[in-house]
Full PDB file with SEQRES, HELIX, SHEET, SSBOND, CRYST1, ORIGX, SCALE, CONECT and MASTER records, all heavy atoms in Angstrom:
SEQRES   1 A   34  ARG TYR GLY GLY ILE THR TYR TYR GLY ASP SER VAL LYS          
SEQRES   2 A   34  GLY ARG PHE THR ILE SER ARG ASP ASN ALA LYS SER THR          
SEQRES   3 A   34  VAL TYR LEU GLN MET HIS SER LEU                              
SHEET    1 AA1 2 PHE A  16  ASP A  21  0                                        
SHEET    2 AA1 2 THR A  26  MET A  31 -1                                        
CRYST1    1.000    1.000    1.000  90.00  90.00  90.00 P 1           1          
ORIGX1      1.000000  0.000000  0.000000        0.00000                         
ORIGX2      0.000000  1.000000  0.000000        0.00000                         
ORIGX3      0.000000  0.000000  1.000000        0.00000                         
SCALE1      1.000000  0.000000  0.000000        0.00000                         
SCALE2      0.000000  1.000000  0.000000        0.00000                         
SCALE3      0.000000  0.000000  1.000000        0.00000                         
ATOM      1  N   ARG A   1       4.670-159.039 -26.850  1.00  0.00           N  
ATOM      2  CA  ARG A   1       4.519-159.846 -25.627  1.00  0.00           C  
ATOM      3  C   ARG A   1       3.434-159.347 -24.687  1.00  0.00           C  
ATOM      4  O   ARG A   1       2.722-160.134 -24.048  1.00  0.00           O  
ATOM      5  CB  ARG A   1       5.851-159.916 -24.895  1.00  0.00           C  
ATOM      6  CG  ARG A   1       6.915-160.717 -25.620  1.00  0.00           C  
ATOM      7  CD  ARG A   1       8.207-160.705 -24.862  1.00  0.00           C  
ATOM      8  NE  ARG A   1       8.735-159.345 -24.726  1.00  0.00           N  
ATOM      9  CZ  ARG A   1       9.688-159.009 -23.883  1.00  0.00           C  
ATOM     10  NH1 ARG A   1      10.226-159.912 -23.096  1.00  0.00           N  
ATOM     11  NH2 ARG A   1      10.124-157.769 -23.833  1.00  0.00           N  
ATOM     12  N   TYR A   2       3.283-158.018 -24.591  1.00  0.00           N  
ATOM     13  CA  TYR A   2       2.283-157.472 -23.682  1.00  0.00           C  
ATOM     14  C   TYR A   2       1.161-156.751 -24.419  1.00  0.00           C  
ATOM     15  O   TYR A   2       0.369-156.035 -23.816  1.00  0.00           O  
ATOM     16  CB  TYR A   2       2.951-156.559 -22.651  1.00  0.00           C  
ATOM     17  CG  TYR A   2       3.892-157.331 -21.761  1.00  0.00           C  
ATOM     18  CD1 TYR A   2       5.257-157.369 -22.024  1.00  0.00           C  
ATOM     19  CD2 TYR A   2       3.411-158.072 -20.676  1.00  0.00           C  
ATOM     20  CE1 TYR A   2       6.123-158.106 -21.230  1.00  0.00           C  
ATOM     21  CE2 TYR A   2       4.269-158.799 -19.873  1.00  0.00           C  
ATOM     22  CZ  TYR A   2       5.629-158.815 -20.161  1.00  0.00           C  
ATOM     23  OH  TYR A   2       6.477-159.550 -19.377  1.00  0.00           O  
ATOM     24  N   GLY A   3       1.133-156.943 -25.742  1.00  0.00           N  
ATOM     25  CA  GLY A   3       0.015-156.440 -26.528  1.00  0.00           C  
ATOM     26  C   GLY A   3       0.126-155.003 -26.989  1.00  0.00           C  
ATOM     27  O   GLY A   3      -0.797-154.482 -27.616  1.00  0.00           O  
ATOM     28  N   GLY A   4       1.237-154.354 -26.721  1.00  0.00           N  
ATOM     29  CA  GLY A   4       1.352-152.947 -27.071  1.00  0.00           C  
ATOM     30  C   GLY A   4       1.629-152.680 -28.533  1.00  0.00           C  
ATOM     31  O   GLY A   4       1.420-151.566 -29.028  1.00  0.00           O  
ATOM     32  N   ILE A   5       2.089-153.707 -29.237  1.00  0.00           N  
ATOM     33  CA  ILE A   5       2.409-153.558 -30.659  1.00  0.00           C  
ATOM     34  C   ILE A   5       1.659-154.636 -31.422  1.00  0.00           C  
ATOM     35  O   ILE A   5       1.694-155.813 -31.052  1.00  0.00           O  
ATOM     36  CB  ILE A   5       3.919-153.718 -30.910  1.00  0.00           C  
ATOM     37  CG1 ILE A   5       4.696-152.638 -30.159  1.00  0.00           C  
ATOM     38  CG2 ILE A   5       4.236-153.667 -32.403  1.00  0.00           C  
ATOM     39  CD1 ILE A   5       6.203-152.855 -30.180  1.00  0.00           C  
ATOM     40  N   THR A   6       0.985-154.230 -32.485  1.00  0.00           N  
ATOM     41  CA  THR A   6       0.291-155.185 -33.353  1.00  0.00           C  
ATOM     42  C   THR A   6       0.592-154.864 -34.813  1.00  0.00           C  
ATOM     43  O   THR A   6       0.844-153.706 -35.173  1.00  0.00           O  
ATOM     44  CB  THR A   6      -1.231-155.159 -33.147  1.00  0.00           C  
ATOM     45  OG1 THR A   6      -1.723-153.839 -33.389  1.00  0.00           O  
ATOM     46  CG2 THR A   6      -1.603-155.591 -31.738  1.00  0.00           C  
ATOM     47  N   TYR A   7       0.579-155.904 -35.612  1.00  0.00           N  
ATOM     48  CA  TYR A   7       0.760-155.764 -37.051  1.00  0.00           C  
ATOM     49  C   TYR A   7      -0.311-156.591 -37.758  1.00  0.00           C  
ATOM     50  O   TYR A   7      -0.749-157.629 -37.237  1.00  0.00           O  
ATOM     51  CB  TYR A   7       2.137-156.273 -37.487  1.00  0.00           C  
ATOM     52  CG  TYR A   7       3.281-155.387 -37.070  1.00  0.00           C  
ATOM     53  CD1 TYR A   7       4.011-155.666 -35.926  1.00  0.00           C  
ATOM     54  CD2 TYR A   7       3.635-154.271 -37.828  1.00  0.00           C  
ATOM     55  CE1 TYR A   7       5.069-154.854 -35.534  1.00  0.00           C  
ATOM     56  CE2 TYR A   7       4.689-153.460 -37.449  1.00  0.00           C  
ATOM     57  CZ  TYR A   7       5.396-153.755 -36.295  1.00  0.00           C  
ATOM     58  OH  TYR A   7       6.434-152.947 -35.914  1.00  0.00           O  
ATOM     59  N   TYR A   8      -0.679-156.123 -38.946  1.00  0.00           N  
ATOM     60  CA  TYR A   8      -1.675-156.833 -39.744  1.00  0.00           C  
ATOM     61  C   TYR A   8      -1.226-156.906 -41.194  1.00  0.00           C  
ATOM     62  O   TYR A   8      -0.619-155.961 -41.723  1.00  0.00           O  
ATOM     63  CB  TYR A   8      -3.026-156.124 -39.680  1.00  0.00           C  
ATOM     64  CG  TYR A   8      -3.642-156.129 -38.295  1.00  0.00           C  
ATOM     65  CD1 TYR A   8      -3.423-155.080 -37.415  1.00  0.00           C  
ATOM     66  CD2 TYR A   8      -4.404-157.214 -37.869  1.00  0.00           C  
ATOM     67  CE1 TYR A   8      -3.967-155.088 -36.138  1.00  0.00           C  
ATOM     68  CE2 TYR A   8      -4.955-157.238 -36.597  1.00  0.00           C  
ATOM     69  CZ  TYR A   8      -4.730-156.170 -35.742  1.00  0.00           C  
ATOM     70  OH  TYR A   8      -5.270-156.207 -34.478  1.00  0.00           O  
ATOM     71  N   GLY A   9      -1.559-158.014 -41.828  1.00  0.00           N  
ATOM     72  CA  GLY A   9      -1.350-158.101 -43.252  1.00  0.00           C  
ATOM     73  C   GLY A   9      -2.315-157.174 -43.983  1.00  0.00           C  
ATOM     74  O   GLY A   9      -3.414-156.896 -43.495  1.00  0.00           O  
ATOM     75  N   ASP A  10      -1.914-156.725 -45.151  1.00  0.00           N  
ATOM     76  CA  ASP A  10      -2.731-155.758 -45.894  1.00  0.00           C  
ATOM     77  C   ASP A  10      -4.124-156.301 -46.199  1.00  0.00           C  
ATOM     78  O   ASP A  10      -5.106-155.554 -46.205  1.00  0.00           O  
ATOM     79  CB  ASP A  10      -2.031-155.374 -47.193  1.00  0.00           C  
ATOM     80  CG  ASP A  10      -0.820-154.494 -46.965  1.00  0.00           C  
ATOM     81  OD1 ASP A  10      -0.706-153.897 -45.882  1.00  0.00           O  
ATOM     82  OD2 ASP A  10       0.028-154.424 -47.878  1.00  0.00           O  
ATOM     83  N   SER A  11      -4.215-157.597 -46.450  1.00  0.00           N  
ATOM     84  CA  SER A  11      -5.493-158.172 -46.848  1.00  0.00           C  
ATOM     85  C   SER A  11      -6.493-158.278 -45.703  1.00  0.00           C  
ATOM     86  O   SER A  11      -7.683-158.513 -45.955  1.00  0.00           O  
ATOM     87  CB  SER A  11      -5.272-159.550 -47.468  1.00  0.00           C  
ATOM     88  OG  SER A  11      -4.698-160.429 -46.522  1.00  0.00           O  
ATOM     89  N   VAL A  12      -6.056-158.106 -44.464  1.00  0.00           N  
ATOM     90  CA  VAL A  12      -6.968-158.259 -43.333  1.00  0.00           C  
ATOM     91  C   VAL A  12      -7.125-156.987 -42.510  1.00  0.00           C  
ATOM     92  O   VAL A  12      -7.933-156.947 -41.583  1.00  0.00           O  
ATOM     93  CB  VAL A  12      -6.525-159.412 -42.404  1.00  0.00           C  
ATOM     94  CG1 VAL A  12      -6.335-160.702 -43.207  1.00  0.00           C  
ATOM     95  CG2 VAL A  12      -5.271-159.059 -41.632  1.00  0.00           C  
ATOM     96  N   LYS A  13      -6.368-155.968 -42.838  1.00  0.00           N  
ATOM     97  CA  LYS A  13      -6.456-154.717 -42.079  1.00  0.00           C  
ATOM     98  C   LYS A  13      -7.872-154.175 -42.082  1.00  0.00           C  
ATOM     99  O   LYS A  13      -8.528-154.135 -43.123  1.00  0.00           O  
ATOM    100  CB  LYS A  13      -5.507-153.673 -42.679  1.00  0.00           C  
ATOM    101  CG  LYS A  13      -4.072-153.838 -42.273  1.00  0.00           C  
ATOM    102  CD  LYS A  13      -3.194-152.772 -42.919  1.00  0.00           C  
ATOM    103  CE  LYS A  13      -1.732-152.980 -42.567  1.00  0.00           C  
ATOM    104  NZ  LYS A  13      -0.850-152.014 -43.252  1.00  0.00           N  
ATOM    105  N   GLY A  14      -8.312-153.758 -40.908  1.00  0.00           N  
ATOM    106  CA  GLY A  14      -9.651-153.214 -40.775  1.00  0.00           C  
ATOM    107  C   GLY A  14     -10.734-154.251 -40.576  1.00  0.00           C  
ATOM    108  O   GLY A  14     -11.879-153.907 -40.255  1.00  0.00           O  
ATOM    109  N   ARG A  15     -10.389-155.536 -40.779  1.00  0.00           N  
ATOM    110  CA  ARG A  15     -11.376-156.603 -40.614  1.00  0.00           C  
ATOM    111  C   ARG A  15     -11.030-157.553 -39.469  1.00  0.00           C  
ATOM    112  O   ARG A  15     -11.929-158.114 -38.835  1.00  0.00           O  
ATOM    113  CB  ARG A  15     -11.501-157.417 -41.910  1.00  0.00           C  
ATOM    114  CG  ARG A  15     -11.914-156.614 -43.114  1.00  0.00           C  
ATOM    115  CD  ARG A  15     -12.189-157.518 -44.312  1.00  0.00           C  
ATOM    116  NE  ARG A  15     -11.001-158.267 -44.729  1.00  0.00           N  
ATOM    117  CZ  ARG A  15     -10.951-159.600 -44.790  1.00  0.00           C  
ATOM    118  NH1 ARG A  15     -11.995-160.327 -44.458  1.00  0.00           N  
ATOM    119  NH2 ARG A  15      -9.839-160.207 -45.200  1.00  0.00           N  
ATOM    120  N   PHE A  16      -9.741-157.750 -39.224  1.00  0.00           N  
ATOM    121  CA  PHE A  16      -9.282-158.678 -38.194  1.00  0.00           C  
ATOM    122  C   PHE A  16      -8.667-157.893 -37.045  1.00  0.00           C  
ATOM    123  O   PHE A  16      -8.061-156.829 -37.253  1.00  0.00           O  
ATOM    124  CB  PHE A  16      -8.226-159.629 -38.752  1.00  0.00           C  
ATOM    125  CG  PHE A  16      -8.718-160.639 -39.754  1.00  0.00           C  
ATOM    126  CD1 PHE A  16      -9.994-160.561 -40.310  1.00  0.00           C  
ATOM    127  CD2 PHE A  16      -7.887-161.670 -40.150  1.00  0.00           C  
ATOM    128  CE1 PHE A  16     -10.425-161.490 -41.230  1.00  0.00           C  
ATOM    129  CE2 PHE A  16      -8.307-162.610 -41.076  1.00  0.00           C  
ATOM    130  CZ  PHE A  16      -9.570-162.511 -41.617  1.00  0.00           C  
ATOM    131  N   THR A  17      -8.795-158.457 -35.846  1.00  0.00           N  
ATOM    132  CA  THR A  17      -8.186-157.863 -34.663  1.00  0.00           C  
ATOM    133  C   THR A  17      -7.510-158.957 -33.850  1.00  0.00           C  
ATOM    134  O   THR A  17      -8.141-159.969 -33.520  1.00  0.00           O  
ATOM    135  CB  THR A  17      -9.234-157.160 -33.790  1.00  0.00           C  
ATOM    136  OG1 THR A  17      -9.896-156.148 -34.561  1.00  0.00           O  
ATOM    137  CG2 THR A  17      -8.564-156.495 -32.585  1.00  0.00           C  
ATOM    138  N   ILE A  18      -6.254-158.731 -33.523  1.00  0.00           N  
ATOM    139  CA  ILE A  18      -5.517-159.672 -32.680  1.00  0.00           C  
ATOM    140  C   ILE A  18      -5.483-159.132 -31.258  1.00  0.00           C  
ATOM    141  O   ILE A  18      -5.399-157.916 -31.039  1.00  0.00           O  
ATOM    142  CB  ILE A  18      -4.079-159.908 -33.221  1.00  0.00           C  
ATOM    143  CG1 ILE A  18      -3.433-161.095 -32.526  1.00  0.00           C  
ATOM    144  CG2 ILE A  18      -3.237-158.649 -33.110  1.00  0.00           C  
ATOM    145  CD1 ILE A  18      -2.105-161.540 -33.177  1.00  0.00           C  
ATOM    146  N   SER A  19      -5.547-160.041 -30.300  1.00  0.00           N  
ATOM    147  CA  SER A  19      -5.452-159.652 -28.899  1.00  0.00           C  
ATOM    148  C   SER A  19      -4.880-160.828 -28.121  1.00  0.00           C  
ATOM    149  O   SER A  19      -4.780-161.944 -28.638  1.00  0.00           O  
ATOM    150  CB  SER A  19      -6.822-159.249 -28.339  1.00  0.00           C  
ATOM    151  OG  SER A  19      -7.735-160.335 -28.399  1.00  0.00           O  
ATOM    152  N   ARG A  20      -4.499-160.571 -26.885  1.00  0.00           N  
ATOM    153  CA  ARG A  20      -3.961-161.648 -26.061  1.00  0.00           C  
ATOM    154  C   ARG A  20      -4.346-161.431 -24.616  1.00  0.00           C  
ATOM    155  O   ARG A  20      -4.521-160.287 -24.170  1.00  0.00           O  
ATOM    156  CB  ARG A  20      -2.453-161.763 -26.220  1.00  0.00           C  
ATOM    157  CG  ARG A  20      -1.639-160.601 -25.682  1.00  0.00           C  
ATOM    158  CD  ARG A  20      -0.174-160.742 -26.100  1.00  0.00           C  
ATOM    159  NE  ARG A  20       0.451-161.938 -25.536  1.00  0.00           N  
ATOM    160  CZ  ARG A  20       1.603-162.440 -25.969  1.00  0.00           C  
ATOM    161  NH1 ARG A  20       2.245-161.883 -26.996  1.00  0.00           N  
ATOM    162  NH2 ARG A  20       2.117-163.513 -25.397  1.00  0.00           N  
ATOM    163  N   ASP A  21      -4.448-162.538 -23.912  1.00  0.00           N  
ATOM    164  CA  ASP A  21      -4.710-162.539 -22.485  1.00  0.00           C  
ATOM    165  C   ASP A  21      -3.625-163.398 -21.852  1.00  0.00           C  
ATOM    166  O   ASP A  21      -3.735-164.633 -21.854  1.00  0.00           O  
ATOM    167  CB  ASP A  21      -6.106-163.093 -22.209  1.00  0.00           C  
ATOM    168  CG  ASP A  21      -6.480-163.025 -20.730  1.00  0.00           C  
ATOM    169  OD1 ASP A  21      -5.577-162.915 -19.878  1.00  0.00           O  
ATOM    170  OD2 ASP A  21      -7.681-163.110 -20.433  1.00  0.00           O  
ATOM    171  N   ASN A  22      -2.596-162.771 -21.338  1.00  0.00           N  
ATOM    172  CA  ASN A  22      -1.465-163.524 -20.800  1.00  0.00           C  
ATOM    173  C   ASN A  22      -1.850-164.314 -19.552  1.00  0.00           C  
ATOM    174  O   ASN A  22      -1.243-165.353 -19.277  1.00  0.00           O  
ATOM    175  CB  ASN A  22      -0.300-162.599 -20.514  1.00  0.00           C  
ATOM    176  CG  ASN A  22       0.390-162.138 -21.795  1.00  0.00           C  
ATOM    177  OD1 ASN A  22       0.257-162.756 -22.844  1.00  0.00           O  
ATOM    178  ND2 ASN A  22       1.132-161.047 -21.695  1.00  0.00           N  
ATOM    179  N   ALA A  23      -2.818-163.852 -18.828  1.00  0.00           N  
ATOM    180  CA  ALA A  23      -3.272-164.601 -17.652  1.00  0.00           C  
ATOM    181  C   ALA A  23      -3.854-165.953 -18.061  1.00  0.00           C  
ATOM    182  O   ALA A  23      -3.788-166.920 -17.302  1.00  0.00           O  
ATOM    183  CB  ALA A  23      -4.300-163.794 -16.881  1.00  0.00           C  
ATOM    184  N   LYS A  24      -4.422-165.992 -19.262  1.00  0.00           N  
ATOM    185  CA  LYS A  24      -4.993-167.244 -19.779  1.00  0.00           C  
ATOM    186  C   LYS A  24      -4.070-167.901 -20.796  1.00  0.00           C  
ATOM    187  O   LYS A  24      -4.428-168.930 -21.379  1.00  0.00           O  
ATOM    188  CB  LYS A  24      -6.354-166.968 -20.423  1.00  0.00           C  
ATOM    189  CG  LYS A  24      -7.403-166.474 -19.448  1.00  0.00           C  
ATOM    190  CD  LYS A  24      -8.741-166.274 -20.148  1.00  0.00           C  
ATOM    191  CE  LYS A  24      -9.799-165.812 -19.159  1.00  0.00           C  
ATOM    192  NZ  LYS A  24     -11.123-165.597 -19.818  1.00  0.00           N  
ATOM    193  N   SER A  25      -2.919-167.290 -21.051  1.00  0.00           N  
ATOM    194  CA  SER A  25      -1.968-167.836 -22.037  1.00  0.00           C  
ATOM    195  C   SER A  25      -2.649-168.085 -23.369  1.00  0.00           C  
ATOM    196  O   SER A  25      -2.426-169.124 -24.012  1.00  0.00           O  
ATOM    197  CB  SER A  25      -1.338-169.130 -21.506  1.00  0.00           C  
ATOM    198  OG  SER A  25      -0.612-168.881 -20.329  1.00  0.00           O  
ATOM    199  N   THR A  26      -3.453-167.145 -23.794  1.00  0.00           N  
ATOM    200  CA  THR A  26      -4.247-167.313 -25.012  1.00  0.00           C  
ATOM    201  C   THR A  26      -4.170-166.069 -25.881  1.00  0.00           C  
ATOM    202  O   THR A  26      -4.211-164.947 -25.372  1.00  0.00           O  
ATOM    203  CB  THR A  26      -5.716-167.623 -24.669  1.00  0.00           C  
ATOM    204  OG1 THR A  26      -5.770-168.805 -23.864  1.00  0.00           O  
ATOM    205  CG2 THR A  26      -6.527-167.857 -25.933  1.00  0.00           C  
ATOM    206  N   VAL A  27      -4.065-166.321 -27.176  1.00  0.00           N  
ATOM    207  CA  VAL A  27      -4.106-165.260 -28.171  1.00  0.00           C  
ATOM    208  C   VAL A  27      -5.361-165.462 -29.015  1.00  0.00           C  
ATOM    209  O   VAL A  27      -5.730-166.594 -29.318  1.00  0.00           O  
ATOM    210  CB  VAL A  27      -2.852-165.295 -29.064  1.00  0.00           C  
ATOM    211  CG1 VAL A  27      -2.942-164.265 -30.170  1.00  0.00           C  
ATOM    212  CG2 VAL A  27      -1.612-165.057 -28.236  1.00  0.00           C  
ATOM    213  N   TYR A  28      -5.964-164.363 -29.391  1.00  0.00           N  
ATOM    214  CA  TYR A  28      -7.210-164.420 -30.157  1.00  0.00           C  
ATOM    215  C   TYR A  28      -7.053-163.712 -31.487  1.00  0.00           C  
ATOM    216  O   TYR A  28      -6.272-162.773 -31.636  1.00  0.00           O  
ATOM    217  CB  TYR A  28      -8.342-163.754 -29.372  1.00  0.00           C  
ATOM    218  CG  TYR A  28      -8.543-164.318 -27.994  1.00  0.00           C  
ATOM    219  CD1 TYR A  28      -7.984-163.696 -26.875  1.00  0.00           C  
ATOM    220  CD2 TYR A  28      -9.282-165.484 -27.801  1.00  0.00           C  
ATOM    221  CE1 TYR A  28      -8.162-164.213 -25.606  1.00  0.00           C  
ATOM    222  CE2 TYR A  28      -9.466-165.998 -26.534  1.00  0.00           C  
ATOM    223  CZ  TYR A  28      -8.906-165.362 -25.440  1.00  0.00           C  
ATOM    224  OH  TYR A  28      -9.077-165.890 -24.185  1.00  0.00           O  
ATOM    225  N   LEU A  29      -7.837-164.153 -32.441  1.00  0.00           N  
ATOM    226  CA  LEU A  29      -7.938-163.454 -33.714  1.00  0.00           C  
ATOM    227  C   LEU A  29      -9.422-163.320 -34.028  1.00  0.00           C  
ATOM    228  O   LEU A  29     -10.082-164.300 -34.371  1.00  0.00           O  
ATOM    229  CB  LEU A  29      -7.228-164.213 -34.835  1.00  0.00           C  
ATOM    230  CG  LEU A  29      -7.195-163.470 -36.173  1.00  0.00           C  
ATOM    231  CD1 LEU A  29      -6.279-162.243 -36.074  1.00  0.00           C  
ATOM    232  CD2 LEU A  29      -6.704-164.400 -37.293  1.00  0.00           C  
ATOM    233  N   GLN A  30      -9.925-162.116 -33.881  1.00  0.00           N  
ATOM    234  CA  GLN A  30     -11.318-161.833 -34.212  1.00  0.00           C  
ATOM    235  C   GLN A  30     -11.386-161.442 -35.676  1.00  0.00           C  
ATOM    236  O   GLN A  30     -10.711-160.500 -36.102  1.00  0.00           O  
ATOM    237  CB  GLN A  30     -11.857-160.702 -33.340  1.00  0.00           C  
ATOM    238  CG  GLN A  30     -13.299-160.347 -33.630  1.00  0.00           C  
ATOM    239  CD  GLN A  30     -14.262-161.452 -33.243  1.00  0.00           C  
ATOM    240  OE1 GLN A  30     -14.276-161.909 -32.113  1.00  0.00           O  
ATOM    241  NE2 GLN A  30     -15.091-161.879 -34.195  1.00  0.00           N  
ATOM    242  N   MET A  31     -12.222-162.160 -36.421  1.00  0.00           N  
ATOM    243  CA  MET A  31     -12.302-161.946 -37.866  1.00  0.00           C  
ATOM    244  C   MET A  31     -13.712-161.538 -38.249  1.00  0.00           C  
ATOM    245  O   MET A  31     -14.681-162.221 -37.887  1.00  0.00           O  
ATOM    246  CB  MET A  31     -11.913-163.235 -38.594  1.00  0.00           C  
ATOM    247  CG  MET A  31     -10.566-163.788 -38.179  1.00  0.00           C  
ATOM    248  SD  MET A  31     -10.037-165.219 -39.148  1.00  0.00           S  
ATOM    249  CE  MET A  31     -11.268-166.420 -38.658  1.00  0.00           C  
ATOM    250  N   HIS A  32     -13.821-160.439 -38.956  1.00  0.00           N  
ATOM    251  CA  HIS A  32     -15.115-159.943 -39.427  1.00  0.00           C  
ATOM    252  C   HIS A  32     -15.090-159.814 -40.947  1.00  0.00           C  
ATOM    253  O   HIS A  32     -14.035-159.815 -41.569  1.00  0.00           O  
ATOM    254  CB  HIS A  32     -15.420-158.571 -38.815  1.00  0.00           C  
ATOM    255  CG  HIS A  32     -15.610-158.587 -37.338  1.00  0.00           C  
ATOM    256  ND1 HIS A  32     -16.634-159.273 -36.713  1.00  0.00           N  
ATOM    257  CD2 HIS A  32     -14.899-157.984 -36.350  1.00  0.00           C  
ATOM    258  CE1 HIS A  32     -16.557-159.085 -35.406  1.00  0.00           C  
ATOM    259  NE2 HIS A  32     -15.513-158.311 -35.157  1.00  0.00           N  
ATOM    260  N   SER A  33     -16.293-159.680 -41.511  1.00  0.00           N  
ATOM    261  CA  SER A  33     -16.445-159.452 -42.960  1.00  0.00           C  
ATOM    262  C   SER A  33     -15.649-160.460 -43.778  1.00  0.00           C  
ATOM    263  O   SER A  33     -14.927-160.107 -44.710  1.00  0.00           O  
ATOM    264  CB  SER A  33     -16.001-158.018 -43.315  1.00  0.00           C  
ATOM    265  OG  SER A  33     -16.746-157.067 -42.573  1.00  0.00           O  
ATOM    266  N   LEU A  34     -15.795-161.706 -43.416  1.00  0.00           N  
ATOM    267  CA  LEU A  34     -15.016-162.762 -44.069  1.00  0.00           C  
ATOM    268  C   LEU A  34     -15.454-162.947 -45.517  1.00  0.00           C  
ATOM    269  O   LEU A  34     -16.644-162.802 -45.855  1.00  0.00           O  
ATOM    270  CB  LEU A  34     -15.159-164.062 -43.296  1.00  0.00           C  
ATOM    271  CG  LEU A  34     -14.418-164.074 -41.954  1.00  0.00           C  
ATOM    272  CD1 LEU A  34     -14.934-165.186 -41.052  1.00  0.00           C  
ATOM    273  CD2 LEU A  34     -12.926-164.234 -42.181  1.00  0.00           C  
TER     274      LEU A  34                                                      
MASTER        0    0    0    0    2    0    0    6  273    1    0    3          
END                                                                             
């Protein structure tokens, strides 16, 4: 809820990053090395 805990699937670890901005009610998924 406040971003302190994150989990990733094995296939995306090290390439994807999840984050959230509760002030904007938005969650992001940054994806690299697709």
